Protein backbone atom coordinates (compact mmCIF):
# COMPACT_ATOMS: atom_id res chain seq x y z
CA MET A 1 0.00 0.00 0.00
CA ILE A 2 1.29 3.46 -0.88
CA GLU A 3 1.42 5.95 1.96
CA LYS A 4 -0.42 9.28 1.71
CA ASN A 5 2.87 11.21 1.54
CA ASP A 6 4.05 8.97 -1.30
CA TYR A 7 1.02 10.01 -3.39
CA ARG A 8 1.82 13.65 -2.71
CA ALA A 9 5.42 13.14 -3.81
CA LEU A 10 4.29 11.26 -6.93
CA ARG A 11 1.88 14.09 -7.83
CA GLN A 12 4.58 16.71 -7.32
CA GLN A 13 6.97 14.72 -9.49
CA ALA A 14 4.33 14.35 -12.20
CA VAL A 15 3.69 18.11 -12.22
CA ARG A 16 7.41 18.82 -12.56
CA GLU A 17 7.75 16.27 -15.37
CA ALA A 18 4.68 17.75 -17.14
CA TYR A 19 6.11 21.26 -16.82
CA TRP A 20 9.40 20.09 -18.30
CA ALA A 21 7.77 18.10 -21.10
CA ASN A 22 5.60 21.06 -22.11
CA THR A 23 8.17 23.85 -21.88
CA PRO A 24 10.31 24.38 -24.98
CA SER A 25 14.02 24.16 -24.19
CA GLU A 26 14.52 27.64 -25.67
CA SER A 27 11.84 29.16 -23.40
CA SER A 28 12.93 32.41 -21.78
CA ASP A 29 11.25 31.20 -18.58
CA LEU A 30 14.16 28.75 -18.13
CA TRP A 31 16.87 31.40 -18.52
CA PRO A 32 16.93 32.38 -14.82
CA VAL A 33 17.61 28.76 -13.83
CA SER A 34 20.38 28.53 -16.42
CA ASP A 35 21.83 31.88 -15.36
CA ALA A 36 21.82 30.93 -11.66
CA LEU A 37 23.51 27.61 -12.42
CA SER A 38 26.11 29.30 -14.57
CA GLU A 39 26.81 32.05 -12.04
CA VAL A 40 26.83 30.05 -8.80
CA LEU A 41 28.61 26.97 -10.12
CA GLY A 42 30.88 28.86 -12.49
CA GLN A 43 29.74 26.87 -15.51
CA GLY A 44 29.74 28.38 -18.97
CA ASP A 45 27.18 26.53 -21.03
CA VAL A 46 24.41 24.86 -19.06
CA SER A 47 22.64 21.91 -20.69
CA SER A 48 18.90 21.42 -20.74
CA GLU A 49 19.41 18.24 -18.69
CA GLN A 50 21.16 20.26 -15.99
CA ILE A 51 18.29 22.76 -15.92
CA LYS A 52 15.83 19.89 -15.66
CA ALA A 53 17.81 18.35 -12.80
CA VAL A 54 17.57 21.63 -10.85
CA ILE A 55 13.85 21.97 -11.53
CA LEU A 56 13.32 18.42 -10.24
CA ILE A 57 15.11 19.11 -6.95
CA LEU A 58 13.75 22.57 -6.18
CA PRO A 59 11.77 22.74 -2.94
CA ASP A 60 8.01 22.46 -3.50
CA LYS A 61 7.40 26.05 -2.37
CA ILE A 62 9.82 27.52 -4.91
CA PHE A 63 8.49 25.32 -7.71
CA ALA A 64 4.88 26.25 -6.86
CA GLN A 65 5.76 29.94 -6.98
CA ALA A 66 7.48 29.39 -10.32
CA MET A 67 4.30 27.78 -11.65
CA THR A 68 2.28 30.76 -10.45
CA TRP A 69 4.60 33.62 -11.41
CA GLY A 70 7.20 32.03 -13.71
CA PHE A 71 10.92 31.57 -13.15
CA CYS A 72 11.49 35.09 -14.57
CA ASP A 73 9.66 36.67 -11.62
CA THR A 74 12.17 38.61 -9.50
CA GLU A 75 11.31 36.86 -6.23
CA VAL A 76 11.25 33.39 -7.80
CA ARG A 77 14.51 34.06 -9.63
CA ASP A 78 16.13 35.17 -6.36
CA GLN A 79 14.84 32.09 -4.52
CA VAL A 80 16.19 29.76 -7.22
CA HIS A 81 19.56 31.51 -7.04
CA GLU A 82 19.60 31.27 -3.23
CA PHE A 83 18.64 27.58 -3.35
CA ILE A 84 21.43 26.76 -5.79
CA ALA A 85 23.96 28.77 -3.77
CA ALA A 86 22.92 27.19 -0.45
CA ASN A 87 22.77 23.63 -1.83
CA GLN A 88 25.75 23.53 -4.16
CA GLU A 89 26.75 19.97 -3.31
CA GLN A 90 23.25 18.63 -3.99
CA VAL A 91 22.96 20.68 -7.19
CA ILE A 92 26.37 19.57 -8.44
CA SER A 93 25.44 15.96 -7.71
CA ALA A 94 22.12 16.29 -9.54
CA THR A 95 23.57 18.13 -12.53
CA ALA A 96 26.86 16.26 -12.83
CA SER A 97 25.49 13.53 -15.03
CA GLY A 98 21.74 14.04 -14.91
CA GLN A 99 21.55 10.39 -14.02
CA ALA A 100 21.76 8.10 -11.01
CA VAL A 101 24.23 9.00 -8.31
CA GLU A 102 26.15 6.01 -6.99
CA LYS A 103 26.14 5.31 -3.30
CA GLN A 104 28.03 2.70 -1.32
CA ALA A 105 27.74 -0.98 -2.15
CA THR A 106 25.95 -3.13 0.39
CA PRO A 107 25.94 -6.92 0.86
CA ALA A 108 22.35 -7.03 -0.37
CA GLY A 109 23.37 -5.42 -3.66
CA LYS A 110 24.70 -2.16 -4.96
CA THR A 111 22.66 0.82 -3.84
CA ILE A 112 22.14 3.87 -6.03
CA GLN A 113 20.25 7.10 -5.52
CA CYS A 114 17.68 8.18 -8.09
CA TRP A 115 18.68 11.46 -9.73
CA SER A 116 15.05 12.56 -9.77
CA CYS A 117 13.36 11.66 -6.46
CA ARG A 118 16.67 11.18 -4.57
CA LYS A 119 15.44 7.93 -2.99
CA SER A 120 17.74 4.95 -2.62
CA LEU A 121 17.19 1.75 -4.54
CA THR A 122 19.15 -1.37 -5.31
CA LEU A 123 20.21 -2.43 -8.78
CA ALA A 124 17.87 -5.39 -8.36
CA GLN A 125 14.93 -3.03 -7.76
CA ARG A 126 15.91 -1.04 -10.84
CA GLY A 127 16.03 -4.25 -12.85
CA GLU A 128 12.60 -5.34 -11.61
CA ALA A 129 11.25 -1.94 -12.69
CA ASP A 130 12.66 -2.33 -16.23
CA GLY A 131 15.44 0.21 -15.74
CA HIS A 132 13.26 2.73 -13.95
CA CYS A 133 13.14 4.01 -10.39
CA PRO A 134 10.44 2.04 -8.55
CA HIS A 135 9.53 5.17 -6.57
CA CYS A 136 9.02 7.82 -9.25
CA ARG A 137 9.20 5.71 -12.43
CA VAL A 138 11.87 7.89 -14.09
CA GLU A 139 14.39 6.04 -16.25
CA ILE A 140 17.78 5.49 -14.63
CA ASP A 141 20.75 5.20 -16.96
CA LEU A 142 23.82 3.75 -15.25
CA ASP A 143 26.33 4.87 -17.91
């Protein structure tokens, strides 16, 4: 049985995925996320996958405000910038490959962390879910 909080997380993830799927990569609404990534992390060109990774890990409150006002809104833009600056390690981890982040191996099987929902899963669980995260159903590429 899925817990009530799991449904909430699944809905939030679905909204983020829908936003991403229905926003053209050249949309000016994504520029503030790209600019913040570039400025805070000192990266020149920011890929669309890196922007997506940040959108997927933004706190719910910031993402909800972005859906209401847009990422170009001054307050939302500032909050995104502050989030990236305050959580550089998490952002670097999420944007480094845009894929699964390896964790330590355990006797029960190698454990990885989903790049999208950040939950831990074993390689066996990934295999049983046909290469997807069993929690959020996003595809996990191990390359």
